[in-house]
Amino acid sequence: MKKWIKGLACIAVASTLAACGQQGQDYVGKWEAKEHKNRSAVIERNGESFVVKVTEPSMYARNKLETEAIPAVYKDGMLEISGGFGTSKISYVKDTDTLLMPTVGGQWSIAG
């Protein structure tokens, strides 16, 4: 009986630890912009943090797309990006399965 209880306790602890490691999993994947043509993001895990690869039209070359890889961390239920203009947050909207991403010109919504 004691071995059985120990086994259950080990499974419970392992499940809890596995769930903690999956925070931010809703953000992982490929996302396409709804309102803006040729804009997308791919979010990947990078150990305990994330990498956000944003693809959008170049500001310097006409008809050319550029991709930028940006490190992010999961904090307070959102992905947080630190850059030259301060800290930005990406939020996940579960009801519509979309992300709200900040940009220089405002914010864009992207669907998974």
PDB file of N, CA and C in Angstrom:
ATOM      1  N   MET A   1       0.825  -1.191   0.000  1.00  0.00           N
ATOM      2  CA  MET A   1       0.000   0.000   0.000  1.00  0.00           C
ATOM      3  C   MET A   1       0.870   1.256   0.000  1.00  0.00           C
ATOM      4  N   LYS A   2       1.956   1.278   0.797  1.00  0.00           N
ATOM      5  CA  LYS A   2       2.828   2.440   0.861  1.00  0.00           C
ATOM      6  C   LYS A   2       3.515   2.687  -0.479  1.00  0.00           C
ATOM      7  N   LYS A   3       3.925   1.623  -1.175  1.00  0.00           N
ATOM      8  CA  LYS A   3       4.567   1.771  -2.477  1.00  0.00           C
ATOM      9  C   LYS A   3       3.589   2.399  -3.475  1.00  0.00           C
ATOM     10  N   TRP A   4       2.335   2.007  -3.396  1.00  0.00           N
ATOM     11  CA  TRP A   4       1.306   2.522  -4.295  1.00  0.00           C
ATOM     12  C   TRP A   4       1.106   4.027  -4.070  1.00  0.00           C
ATOM     13  N   ILE A   5       1.051   4.446  -2.817  1.00  0.00           N
ATOM     14  CA  ILE A   5       0.881   5.862  -2.481  1.00  0.00           C
ATOM     15  C   ILE A   5       2.112   6.658  -2.924  1.00  0.00           C
ATOM     16  N   LYS A   6       3.320   6.087  -2.714  1.00  0.00           N
ATOM     17  CA  LYS A   6       4.543   6.754  -3.162  1.00  0.00           C
ATOM     18  C   LYS A   6       4.532   6.926  -4.675  1.00  0.00           C
ATOM     19  N   GLY A   7       4.061   5.898  -5.371  1.00  0.00           N
ATOM     20  CA  GLY A   7       3.981   5.962  -6.838  1.00  0.00           C
ATOM     21  C   GLY A   7       3.047   7.071  -7.301  1.00  0.00           C
ATOM     22  N   LEU A   8       1.894   7.171  -6.643  1.00  0.00           N
ATOM     23  CA  LEU A   8       0.935   8.234  -6.977  1.00  0.00           C
ATOM     24  C   LEU A   8       1.524   9.615  -6.694  1.00  0.00           C
ATOM     25  N   ALA A   9       2.221   9.738  -5.584  1.00  0.00           N
ATOM     26  CA  ALA A   9       2.839  11.015  -5.230  1.00  0.00           C
ATOM     27  C   ALA A   9       3.887  11.409  -6.268  1.00  0.00           C
ATOM     28  N   CYS A  10       4.685  10.455  -6.716  1.00  0.00           N
ATOM     29  CA  CYS A  10       5.707  10.731  -7.737  1.00  0.00           C
ATOM     30  C   CYS A  10       5.061  11.168  -9.051  1.00  0.00           C
ATOM     31  N   ILE A  11       3.980  10.517  -9.427  1.00  0.00           N
ATOM     32  CA  ILE A  11       3.275  10.884 -10.661  1.00  0.00           C
ATOM     33  C   ILE A  11       2.696  12.289 -10.539  1.00  0.00           C
ATOM     34  N   ALA A  12       2.124  12.614  -9.393  1.00  0.00           N
ATOM     35  CA  ALA A  12       1.554  13.941  -9.178  1.00  0.00           C
ATOM     36  C   ALA A  12       2.623  15.020  -9.264  1.00  0.00           C
ATOM     37  N   VAL A  13       3.767  14.795  -8.645  1.00  0.00           N
ATOM     38  CA  VAL A  13       4.857  15.768  -8.686  1.00  0.00           C
ATOM     39  C   VAL A  13       5.384  15.916 -10.117  1.00  0.00           C
ATOM     40  N   ALA A  14       5.563  14.817 -10.816  1.00  0.00           N
ATOM     41  CA  ALA A  14       6.059  14.866 -12.196  1.00  0.00           C
ATOM     42  C   ALA A  14       5.080  15.614 -13.099  1.00  0.00           C
ATOM     43  N   SER A  15       3.794  15.381 -12.917  1.00  0.00           N
ATOM     44  CA  SER A  15       2.777  16.076 -13.724  1.00  0.00           C
ATOM     45  C   SER A  15       2.794  17.569 -13.454  1.00  0.00           C
ATOM     46  N   THR A  16       2.934  17.942 -12.208  1.00  0.00           N
ATOM     47  CA  THR A  16       2.976  19.353 -11.843  1.00  0.00           C
ATOM     48  C   THR A  16       4.194  20.027 -12.455  1.00  0.00           C
ATOM     49  N   LEU A  17       5.343  19.390 -12.384  1.00  0.00           N
ATOM     50  CA  LEU A  17       6.562  19.957 -12.955  1.00  0.00           C
ATOM     51  C   LEU A  17       6.467  20.064 -14.472  1.00  0.00           C
ATOM     52  N   ALA A  18       5.872  19.077 -15.112  1.00  0.00           N
ATOM     53  CA  ALA A  18       5.705  19.113 -16.570  1.00  0.00           C
ATOM     54  C   ALA A  18       4.778  20.253 -16.974  1.00  0.00           C
ATOM     55  N   ALA A  19       3.728  20.475 -16.219  1.00  0.00           N
ATOM     56  CA  ALA A  19       2.789  21.558 -16.522  1.00  0.00           C
ATOM     57  C   ALA A  19       3.466  22.915 -16.369  1.00  0.00           C
ATOM     58  N   CYS A  20       4.332  23.071 -15.396  1.00  0.00           N
ATOM     59  CA  CYS A  20       5.039  24.337 -15.193  1.00  0.00           C
ATOM     60  C   CYS A  20       5.949  24.645 -16.377  1.00  0.00           C
ATOM     61  N   GLY A  21       6.553  23.626 -16.951  1.00  0.00           N
ATOM     62  CA  GLY A  21       7.440  23.813 -18.082  1.00  0.00           C
ATOM     63  C   GLY A  21       6.706  24.173 -19.355  1.00  0.00           C
ATOM     64  N   GLN A  22       5.406  24.062 -19.387  1.00  0.00           N
ATOM     65  CA  GLN A  22       4.630  24.327 -20.587  1.00  0.00           C
ATOM     66  C   GLN A  22       3.963  25.699 -20.584  1.00  0.00           C
ATOM     67  N   GLN A  23       4.289  26.554 -19.645  1.00  0.00           N
ATOM     68  CA  GLN A  23       3.706  27.890 -19.645  1.00  0.00           C
ATOM     69  C   GLN A  23       4.062  28.600 -20.945  1.00  0.00           C
ATOM     70  N   GLY A  24       3.062  29.245 -21.533  1.00  0.00           N
ATOM     71  CA  GLY A  24       3.277  29.952 -22.778  1.00  0.00           C
ATOM     72  C   GLY A  24       3.111  29.102 -24.014  1.00  0.00           C
ATOM     73  N   GLN A  25       2.718  27.849 -23.858  1.00  0.00           N
ATOM     74  CA  GLN A  25       2.582  26.933 -24.985  1.00  0.00           C
ATOM     75  C   GLN A  25       1.547  27.427 -26.009  1.00  0.00           C
ATOM     76  N   ASP A  26       0.544  28.197 -25.571  1.00  0.00           N
ATOM     77  CA  ASP A  26      -0.470  28.730 -26.488  1.00  0.00           C
ATOM     78  C   ASP A  26       0.142  29.648 -27.541  1.00  0.00           C
ATOM     79  N   TYR A  27       1.282  30.229 -27.254  1.00  0.00           N
ATOM     80  CA  TYR A  27       1.917  31.167 -28.166  1.00  0.00           C
ATOM     81  C   TYR A  27       2.720  30.474 -29.275  1.00  0.00           C
ATOM     82  N   VAL A  28       3.140  29.247 -29.051  1.00  0.00           N
ATOM     83  CA  VAL A  28       4.019  28.540 -29.983  1.00  0.00           C
ATOM     84  C   VAL A  28       3.267  28.184 -31.265  1.00  0.00           C
ATOM     85  N   GLY A  29       3.878  28.509 -32.409  1.00  0.00           N
ATOM     86  CA  GLY A  29       3.296  28.165 -33.703  1.00  0.00           C
ATOM     87  C   GLY A  29       3.482  29.272 -34.721  1.00  0.00           C
ATOM     88  N   LYS A  30       2.832  29.094 -35.878  1.00  0.00           N
ATOM     89  CA  LYS A  30       2.888  30.089 -36.956  1.00  0.00           C
ATOM     90  C   LYS A  30       1.600  30.895 -36.921  1.00  0.00           C
ATOM     91  N   TRP A  31       1.738  32.205 -37.015  1.00  0.00           N
ATOM     92  CA  TRP A  31       0.623  33.133 -36.919  1.00  0.00           C
ATOM     93  C   TRP A  31       0.629  34.061 -38.130  1.00  0.00           C
ATOM     94  N   GLU A  32      -0.558  34.279 -38.732  1.00  0.00           N
ATOM     95  CA  GLU A  32      -0.703  35.141 -39.901  1.00  0.00           C
ATOM     96  C   GLU A  32      -1.519  36.380 -39.542  1.00  0.00           C
ATOM     97  N   ALA A  33      -1.092  37.552 -40.029  1.00  0.00           N
ATOM     98  CA  ALA A  33      -1.806  38.801 -39.764  1.00  0.00           C
ATOM     99  C   ALA A  33      -3.160  38.789 -40.460  1.00  0.00           C
ATOM    100  N   LYS A  34      -4.171  39.309 -39.784  1.00  0.00           N
ATOM    101  CA  LYS A  34      -5.516  39.380 -40.361  1.00  0.00           C
ATOM    102  C   LYS A  34      -5.669  40.589 -41.277  1.00  0.00           C
ATOM    103  N   GLU A  35      -5.286  41.763 -40.803  1.00  0.00           N
ATOM    104  CA  GLU A  35      -5.531  42.997 -41.539  1.00  0.00           C
ATOM    105  C   GLU A  35      -4.365  43.449 -42.410  1.00  0.00           C
ATOM    106  N   HIS A  36      -3.177  42.934 -42.168  1.00  0.00           N
ATOM    107  CA  HIS A  36      -1.994  43.430 -42.868  1.00  0.00           C
ATOM    108  C   HIS A  36      -1.404  42.348 -43.765  1.00  0.00           C
ATOM    109  N   LYS A  37      -1.324  42.639 -45.035  1.00  0.00           N
ATOM    110  CA  LYS A  37      -0.792  41.690 -46.016  1.00  0.00           C
ATOM    111  C   LYS A  37       0.697  41.422 -45.762  1.00  0.00           C
ATOM    112  N   ASN A  38       1.090  40.190 -45.947  1.00  0.00           N
ATOM    113  CA  ASN A  38       2.496  39.779 -45.866  1.00  0.00           C
ATOM    114  C   ASN A  38       3.125  39.936 -44.489  1.00  0.00           C
ATOM    115  N   ARG A  39       2.341  39.879 -43.433  1.00  0.00           N
ATOM    116  CA  ARG A  39       2.908  39.928 -42.090  1.00  0.00           C
ATOM    117  C   ARG A  39       2.584  38.634 -41.367  1.00  0.00           C
ATOM    118  N   SER A  40       3.610  38.076 -40.738  1.00  0.00           N
ATOM    119  CA  SER A  40       3.410  36.832 -39.994  1.00  0.00           C
ATOM    120  C   SER A  40       4.432  36.750 -38.879  1.00  0.00           C
ATOM    121  N   ALA A  41       4.202  35.792 -37.994  1.00  0.00           N
ATOM    122  CA  ALA A  41       5.143  35.551 -36.899  1.00  0.00           C
ATOM    123  C   ALA A  41       5.204  34.053 -36.636  1.00  0.00           C
ATOM    124  N   VAL A  42       6.380  33.600 -36.309  1.00  0.00           N
ATOM    125  CA  VAL A  42       6.589  32.221 -35.875  1.00  0.00           C
ATOM    126  C   VAL A  42       7.177  32.313 -34.477  1.00  0.00           C
ATOM    127  N   ILE A  43       6.538  31.649 -33.529  1.00  0.00           N
ATOM    128  CA  ILE A  43       7.017  31.684 -32.149  1.00  0.00           C
ATOM    129  C   ILE A  43       7.471  30.281 -31.777  1.00  0.00           C
ATOM    130  N   GLU A  44       8.708  30.195 -31.307  1.00  0.00           N
ATOM    131  CA  GLU A  44       9.313  28.915 -30.938  1.00  0.00           C
ATOM    132  C   GLU A  44       9.840  28.988 -29.514  1.00  0.00           C
ATOM    133  N   ARG A  45       9.886  27.834 -28.869  1.00  0.00           N
ATOM    134  CA  ARG A  45      10.520  27.749 -27.550  1.00  0.00           C
ATOM    135  C   ARG A  45      12.029  27.764 -27.733  1.00  0.00           C
ATOM    136  N   ASN A  46      12.698  28.367 -26.769  1.00  0.00           N
ATOM    137  CA  ASN A  46      14.152  28.389 -26.739  1.00  0.00           C
ATOM    138  C   ASN A  46      14.560  28.115 -25.297  1.00  0.00           C
ATOM    139  N   GLY A  47      14.469  26.855 -24.887  1.00  0.00           N
ATOM    140  CA  GLY A  47      14.714  26.505 -23.493  1.00  0.00           C
ATOM    141  C   GLY A  47      13.577  27.014 -22.638  1.00  0.00           C
ATOM    142  N   GLU A  48      13.881  27.857 -21.668  1.00  0.00           N
ATOM    143  CA  GLU A  48      12.857  28.438 -20.793  1.00  0.00           C
ATOM    144  C   GLU A  48      12.244  29.712 -21.384  1.00  0.00           C
ATOM    145  N   SER A  49      12.829  30.224 -22.462  1.00  0.00           N
ATOM    146  CA  SER A  49      12.325  31.444 -23.076  1.00  0.00           C
ATOM    147  C   SER A  49      11.773  31.135 -24.470  1.00  0.00           C
ATOM    148  N   PHE A  50      11.549  32.174 -25.271  1.00  0.00           N
ATOM    149  CA  PHE A  50      10.960  32.023 -26.599  1.00  0.00           C
ATOM    150  C   PHE A  50      11.724  32.868 -27.599  1.00  0.00           C
ATOM    151  N   VAL A  51      11.546  32.550 -28.879  1.00  0.00           N
ATOM    152  CA  VAL A  51      12.044  33.370 -29.975  1.00  0.00           C
ATOM    153  C   VAL A  51      10.837  33.701 -30.846  1.00  0.00           C
ATOM    154  N   VAL A  52      10.650  35.002 -31.115  1.00  0.00           N
ATOM    155  CA  VAL A  52       9.567  35.463 -31.970  1.00  0.00           C
ATOM    156  C   VAL A  52      10.206  35.916 -33.277  1.00  0.00           C
ATOM    157  N   LYS A  53       9.876  35.225 -34.382  1.00  0.00           N
ATOM    158  CA  LYS A  53      10.405  35.576 -35.702  1.00  0.00           C
ATOM    159  C   LYS A  53       9.295  36.285 -36.461  1.00  0.00           C
ATOM    160  N   VAL A  54       9.457  37.603 -36.606  1.00  0.00           N
ATOM    161  CA  VAL A  54       8.448  38.431 -37.252  1.00  0.00           C
ATOM    162  C   VAL A  54       8.875  38.703 -38.687  1.00  0.00           C
ATOM    163  N   THR A  55       7.957  38.417 -39.636  1.00  0.00           N
ATOM    164  CA  THR A  55       8.192  38.693 -41.047  1.00  0.00           C
ATOM    165  C   THR A  55       7.204  39.759 -41.496  1.00  0.00           C
ATOM    166  N   GLU A  56       7.728  40.824 -42.095  1.00  0.00           N
ATOM    167  CA  GLU A  56       6.870  41.909 -42.586  1.00  0.00           C
ATOM    168  C   GLU A  56       7.585  42.639 -43.713  1.00  0.00           C
ATOM    169  N   PRO A  57       6.837  43.478 -44.465  1.00  0.00           N
ATOM    170  CA  PRO A  57       7.465  44.218 -45.566  1.00  0.00           C
ATOM    171  C   PRO A  57       8.606  45.098 -45.065  1.00  0.00           C
ATOM    172  N   SER A  58       9.650  45.159 -45.864  1.00  0.00           N
ATOM    173  CA  SER A  58      10.819  45.968 -45.533  1.00  0.00           C
ATOM    174  C   SER A  58      10.467  47.452 -45.557  1.00  0.00           C
ATOM    175  N   MET A  59      11.036  48.201 -44.632  1.00  0.00           N
ATOM    176  CA  MET A  59      10.853  49.649 -44.619  1.00  0.00           C
ATOM    177  C   MET A  59      11.785  50.319 -45.632  1.00  0.00           C
ATOM    178  N   TYR A  60      12.783  49.575 -46.123  1.00  0.00           N
ATOM    179  CA  TYR A  60      13.812  50.164 -46.974  1.00  0.00           C
ATOM    180  C   TYR A  60      13.795  49.671 -48.409  1.00  0.00           C
ATOM    181  N   ALA A  61      13.241  48.497 -48.659  1.00  0.00           N
ATOM    182  CA  ALA A  61      13.238  47.937 -50.006  1.00  0.00           C
ATOM    183  C   ALA A  61      11.809  47.557 -50.404  1.00  0.00           C
ATOM    184  N   ARG A  62      11.361  48.090 -51.510  1.00  0.00           N
ATOM    185  CA  ARG A  62      10.000  47.844 -51.983  1.00  0.00           C
ATOM    186  C   ARG A  62       9.826  46.382 -52.403  1.00  0.00           C
ATOM    187  N   ASN A  63       8.691  45.813 -52.071  1.00  0.00           N
ATOM    188  CA  ASN A  63       8.323  44.434 -52.423  1.00  0.00           C
ATOM    189  C   ASN A  63       9.284  43.389 -51.861  1.00  0.00           C
ATOM    190  N   LYS A  64       9.872  43.680 -50.722  1.00  0.00           N
ATOM    191  CA  LYS A  64      10.771  42.724 -50.082  1.00  0.00           C
ATOM    192  C   LYS A  64      10.311  42.496 -48.647  1.00  0.00           C
ATOM    193  N   LEU A  65      10.331  41.227 -48.231  1.00  0.00           N
ATOM    194  CA  LEU A  65       9.973  40.883 -46.857  1.00  0.00           C
ATOM    195  C   LEU A  65      11.244  40.693 -46.036  1.00  0.00           C
ATOM    196  N   GLU A  66      11.180  41.112 -44.789  1.00  0.00           N
ATOM    197  CA  GLU A  66      12.306  40.923 -43.879  1.00  0.00           C
ATOM    198  C   GLU A  66      11.828  40.172 -42.644  1.00  0.00           C
ATOM    199  N   THR A  67      12.693  39.313 -42.125  1.00  0.00           N
ATOM    200  CA  THR A  67      12.387  38.561 -40.909  1.00  0.00           C
ATOM    201  C   THR A  67      13.373  38.951 -39.825  1.00  0.00           C
ATOM    202  N   GLU A  68      12.822  39.234 -38.653  1.00  0.00           N
ATOM    203  CA  GLU A  68      13.654  39.595 -37.501  1.00  0.00           C
ATOM    204  C   GLU A  68      13.355  38.618 -36.372  1.00  0.00           C
ATOM    205  N   ALA A  69      14.392  38.068 -35.761  1.00  0.00           N
ATOM    206  CA  ALA A  69      14.249  37.167 -34.612  1.00  0.00           C
ATOM    207  C   ALA A  69      14.412  37.977 -33.333  1.00  0.00           C
ATOM    208  N   ILE A  70      13.414  37.879 -32.456  1.00  0.00           N
ATOM    209  CA  ILE A  70      13.405  38.675 -31.230  1.00  0.00           C
ATOM    210  C   ILE A  70      13.241  37.744 -30.029  1.00  0.00           C
ATOM    211  N   PRO A  71      14.110  37.835 -29.035  1.00  0.00           N
ATOM    212  CA  PRO A  71      13.938  36.996 -27.833  1.00  0.00           C
ATOM    213  C   PRO A  71      12.763  37.492 -26.999  1.00  0.00           C
ATOM    214  N   ALA A  72      12.074  36.555 -26.343  1.00  0.00           N
ATOM    215  CA  ALA A  72      10.932  36.889 -25.484  1.00  0.00           C
ATOM    216  C   ALA A  72      10.918  35.964 -24.275  1.00  0.00           C
ATOM    217  N   VAL A  73      10.274  36.432 -23.212  1.00  0.00           N
ATOM    218  CA  VAL A  73      10.090  35.619 -22.013  1.00  0.00           C
ATOM    219  C   VAL A  73       8.609  35.605 -21.658  1.00  0.00           C
ATOM    220  N   TYR A  74       8.171  34.534 -21.019  1.00  0.00           N
ATOM    221  CA  TYR A  74       6.790  34.417 -20.566  1.00  0.00           C
ATOM    222  C   TYR A  74       6.707  35.006 -19.166  1.00  0.00           C
ATOM    223  N   LYS A  75       5.866  36.042 -19.013  1.00  0.00           N
ATOM    224  CA  LYS A  75       5.765  36.717 -17.721  1.00  0.00           C
ATOM    225  C   LYS A  75       4.334  37.222 -17.534  1.00  0.00           C
ATOM    226  N   ASP A  76       3.745  36.909 -16.414  1.00  0.00           N
ATOM    227  CA  ASP A  76       2.393  37.369 -16.074  1.00  0.00           C
ATOM    228  C   ASP A  76       1.366  37.017 -17.151  1.00  0.00           C
ATOM    229  N   GLY A  77       1.488  35.840 -17.748  1.00  0.00           N
ATOM    230  CA  GLY A  77       0.506  35.377 -18.727  1.00  0.00           C
ATOM    231  C   GLY A  77       0.694  35.911 -20.130  1.00  0.00           C
ATOM    232  N   MET A  78       1.786  36.655 -20.389  1.00  0.00           N
ATOM    233  CA  MET A  78       2.046  37.211 -21.715  1.00  0.00           C
ATOM    234  C   MET A  78       3.506  37.006 -22.097  1.00  0.00           C
ATOM    235  N   LEU A  79       3.780  37.097 -23.394  1.00  0.00           N
ATOM    236  CA  LEU A  79       5.169  37.098 -23.843  1.00  0.00           C
ATOM    237  C   LEU A  79       5.666  38.536 -23.786  1.00  0.00           C
ATOM    238  N   GLU A  80       6.839  38.716 -23.226  1.00  0.00           N
ATOM    239  CA  GLU A  80       7.404  40.045 -23.060  1.00  0.00           C
ATOM    240  C   GLU A  80       8.669  40.163 -23.896  1.00  0.00           C
ATOM    241  N   ILE A  81       8.729  41.244 -24.680  1.00  0.00           N
ATOM    242  CA  ILE A  81       9.869  41.520 -25.543  1.00  0.00           C
ATOM    243  C   ILE A  81      10.517  42.809 -25.066  1.00  0.00           C
ATOM    244  N   SER A  82      11.824  42.782 -24.870  1.00  0.00           N
ATOM    245  CA  SER A  82      12.550  43.996 -24.495  1.00  0.00           C
ATOM    246  C   SER A  82      13.364  44.458 -25.686  1.00  0.00           C
ATOM    247  N   GLY A  83      13.269  45.749 -25.984  1.00  0.00           N
ATOM    248  CA  GLY A  83      13.999  46.287 -27.126  1.00  0.00           C
ATOM    249  C   GLY A  83      14.423  47.720 -26.895  1.00  0.00           C
ATOM    250  N   GLY A  84      14.865  48.372 -27.960  1.00  0.00           N
ATOM    251  CA  GLY A  84      15.336  49.737 -27.891  1.00  0.00           C
ATOM    252  C   GLY A  84      14.261  50.737 -27.491  1.00  0.00           C
ATOM    253  N   PHE A  85      12.991  50.377 -27.715  1.00  0.00           N
ATOM    254  CA  PHE A  85      11.902  51.287 -27.373  1.00  0.00           C
ATOM    255  C   PHE A  85      11.215  50.894 -26.069  1.00  0.00           C
ATOM    256  N   GLY A  86      11.862  50.063 -25.266  1.00  0.00           N
ATOM    257  CA  GLY A  86      11.284  49.630 -24.001  1.00  0.00           C
ATOM    258  C   GLY A  86      10.748  48.214 -24.095  1.00  0.00           C
ATOM    259  N   THR A  87       9.817  47.890 -23.222  1.00  0.00           N
ATOM    260  CA  THR A  87       9.248  46.548 -23.164  1.00  0.00           C
ATOM    261  C   THR A  87       7.884  46.524 -23.835  1.00  0.00           C
ATOM    262  N   SER A  88       7.659  45.510 -24.673  1.00  0.00           N
ATOM    263  CA  SER A  88       6.370  45.301 -25.327  1.00  0.00           C
ATOM    264  C   SER A  88       5.840  43.944 -24.913  1.00  0.00           C
ATOM    265  N   LYS A  89       4.531  43.786 -24.956  1.00  0.00           N
ATOM    266  CA  LYS A  89       3.909  42.518 -24.579  1.00  0.00           C
ATOM    267  C   LYS A  89       3.041  41.988 -25.704  1.00  0.00           C
ATOM    268  N   ILE A  90       3.116  40.679 -25.889  1.00  0.00           N
ATOM    269  CA  ILE A  90       2.256  39.980 -26.836  1.00  0.00           C
ATOM    270  C   ILE A  90       1.230  39.231 -26.010  1.00  0.00           C
ATOM    271  N   SER A  91      -0.033  39.445 -26.304  1.00  0.00           N
ATOM    272  CA  SER A  91      -1.065  38.753 -25.533  1.00  0.00           C
ATOM    273  C   SER A  91      -1.829  37.770 -26.416  1.00  0.00           C
ATOM    274  N   TYR A  92      -2.243  36.671 -25.827  1.00  0.00           N
ATOM    275  CA  TYR A  92      -3.002  35.623 -26.508  1.00  0.00           C
ATOM    276  C   TYR A  92      -4.468  35.758 -26.127  1.00  0.00           C
ATOM    277  N   VAL A  93      -5.346  35.796 -27.144  1.00  0.00           N
ATOM    278  CA  VAL A  93      -6.792  35.874 -26.928  1.00  0.00           C
ATOM    279  C   VAL A  93      -7.365  34.490 -27.220  1.00  0.00           C
ATOM    280  N   LYS A  94      -7.669  33.767 -26.163  1.00  0.00           N
ATOM    281  CA  LYS A  94      -8.085  32.376 -26.292  1.00  0.00           C
ATOM    282  C   LYS A  94      -9.393  32.228 -27.070  1.00  0.00           C
ATOM    283  N   ASP A  95     -10.379  33.115 -26.818  1.00  0.00           N
ATOM    284  CA  ASP A  95     -11.689  33.004 -27.471  1.00  0.00           C
ATOM    285  C   ASP A  95     -11.601  33.032 -28.997  1.00  0.00           C
ATOM    286  N   THR A  96     -10.674  33.825 -29.536  1.00  0.00           N
ATOM    287  CA  THR A  96     -10.553  33.954 -30.990  1.00  0.00           C
ATOM    288  C   THR A  96      -9.296  33.287 -31.538  1.00  0.00           C
ATOM    289  N   ASP A  97      -8.502  32.667 -30.671  1.00  0.00           N
ATOM    290  CA  ASP A  97      -7.240  32.028 -31.043  1.00  0.00           C
ATOM    291  C   ASP A  97      -6.373  32.991 -31.855  1.00  0.00           C
ATOM    292  N   THR A  98      -6.178  34.191 -31.318  1.00  0.00           N
ATOM    293  CA  THR A  98      -5.354  35.199 -31.976  1.00  0.00           C
ATOM    294  C   THR A  98      -4.351  35.785 -30.987  1.00  0.00           C
ATOM    295  N   LEU A  99      -3.336  36.416 -31.539  1.00  0.00           N
ATOM    296  CA  LEU A  99      -2.368  37.153 -30.742  1.00  0.00           C
ATOM    297  C   LEU A  99      -2.526  38.631 -31.045  1.00  0.00           C
ATOM    298  N   LEU A 100      -2.298  39.463 -30.067  1.00  0.00           N
ATOM    299  CA  LEU A 100      -2.229  40.904 -30.258  1.00  0.00           C
ATOM    300  C   LEU A 100      -0.764  41.278 -30.122  1.00  0.00           C
ATOM    301  N   MET A 101      -0.197  41.767 -31.234  1.00  0.00           N
ATOM    302  CA  MET A 101       1.231  42.083 -31.266  1.00  0.00           C
ATOM    303  C   MET A 101       1.443  43.569 -31.457  1.00  0.00           C
ATOM    304  N   PRO A 102       2.307  44.174 -30.658  1.00  0.00           N
ATOM    305  CA  PRO A 102       2.614  45.597 -30.827  1.00  0.00           C
ATOM    306  C   PRO A 102       3.535  45.815 -32.022  1.00  0.00           C
ATOM    307  N   THR A 103       3.367  46.929 -32.712  1.00  0.00           N
ATOM    308  CA  THR A 103       4.259  47.310 -33.799  1.00  0.00           C
ATOM    309  C   THR A 103       4.541  48.799 -33.674  1.00  0.00           C
ATOM    310  N   VAL A 104       5.406  49.300 -34.500  1.00  0.00           N
ATOM    311  CA  VAL A 104       5.736  50.718 -34.475  1.00  0.00           C
ATOM    312  C   VAL A 104       4.489  51.550 -34.798  1.00  0.00           C
ATOM    313  N   GLY A 105       3.655  51.067 -35.738  1.00  0.00           N
ATOM    314  CA  GLY A 105       2.476  51.816 -36.161  1.00  0.00           C
ATOM    315  C   GLY A 105       1.225  51.487 -35.378  1.00  0.00           C
ATOM    316  N   GLY A 106       1.320  50.771 -34.313  1.00  0.00           N
ATOM    317  CA  GLY A 106       0.140  50.399 -33.519  1.00  0.00           C
ATOM    318  C   GLY A 106       0.197  48.955 -33.071  1.00  0.00           C
ATOM    319  N   GLN A 107      -0.843  48.225 -33.381  1.00  0.00           N
ATOM    320  CA  GLN A 107      -0.939  46.825 -32.951  1.00  0.00           C
ATOM    321  C   GLN A 107      -1.617  46.040 -34.044  1.00  0.00           C
ATOM    322  N   TRP A 108      -1.179  44.791 -34.293  1.00  0.00           N
ATOM    323  CA  TRP A 108      -1.870  43.965 -35.252  1.00  0.00           C
ATOM    324  C   TRP A 108      -2.268  42.652 -34.643  1.00  0.00           C
ATOM    325  N   SER A 109      -3.367  42.143 -35.154  1.00  0.00           N
ATOM    326  CA  SER A 109      -3.939  40.895 -34.671  1.00  0.00           C
ATOM    327  C   SER A 109      -3.559  39.792 -35.642  1.00  0.00           C
ATOM    328  N   ILE A 110      -3.087  38.672 -35.115  1.00  0.00           N
ATOM    329  CA  ILE A 110      -2.703  37.566 -36.001  1.00  0.00           C
ATOM    330  C   ILE A 110      -3.352  36.279 -35.520  1.00  0.00           C
ATOM    331  N   ALA A 111      -3.749  35.456 -36.463  1.00  0.00           N
ATOM    332  CA  ALA A 111      -4.452  34.205 -36.157  1.00  0.00           C
ATOM    333  C   ALA A 111      -3.537  33.015 -36.373  1.00  0.00           C
ATOM    334  N   GLY A 112      -3.774  31.974 -35.563  1.00  0.00           N
ATOM    335  CA  GLY A 112      -2.979  30.756 -35.668  1.00  0.00           C
ATOM    336  C   GLY A 112      -3.557  29.790 -36.641  1.00  0.00           C
TER     337      GLY A 112
END
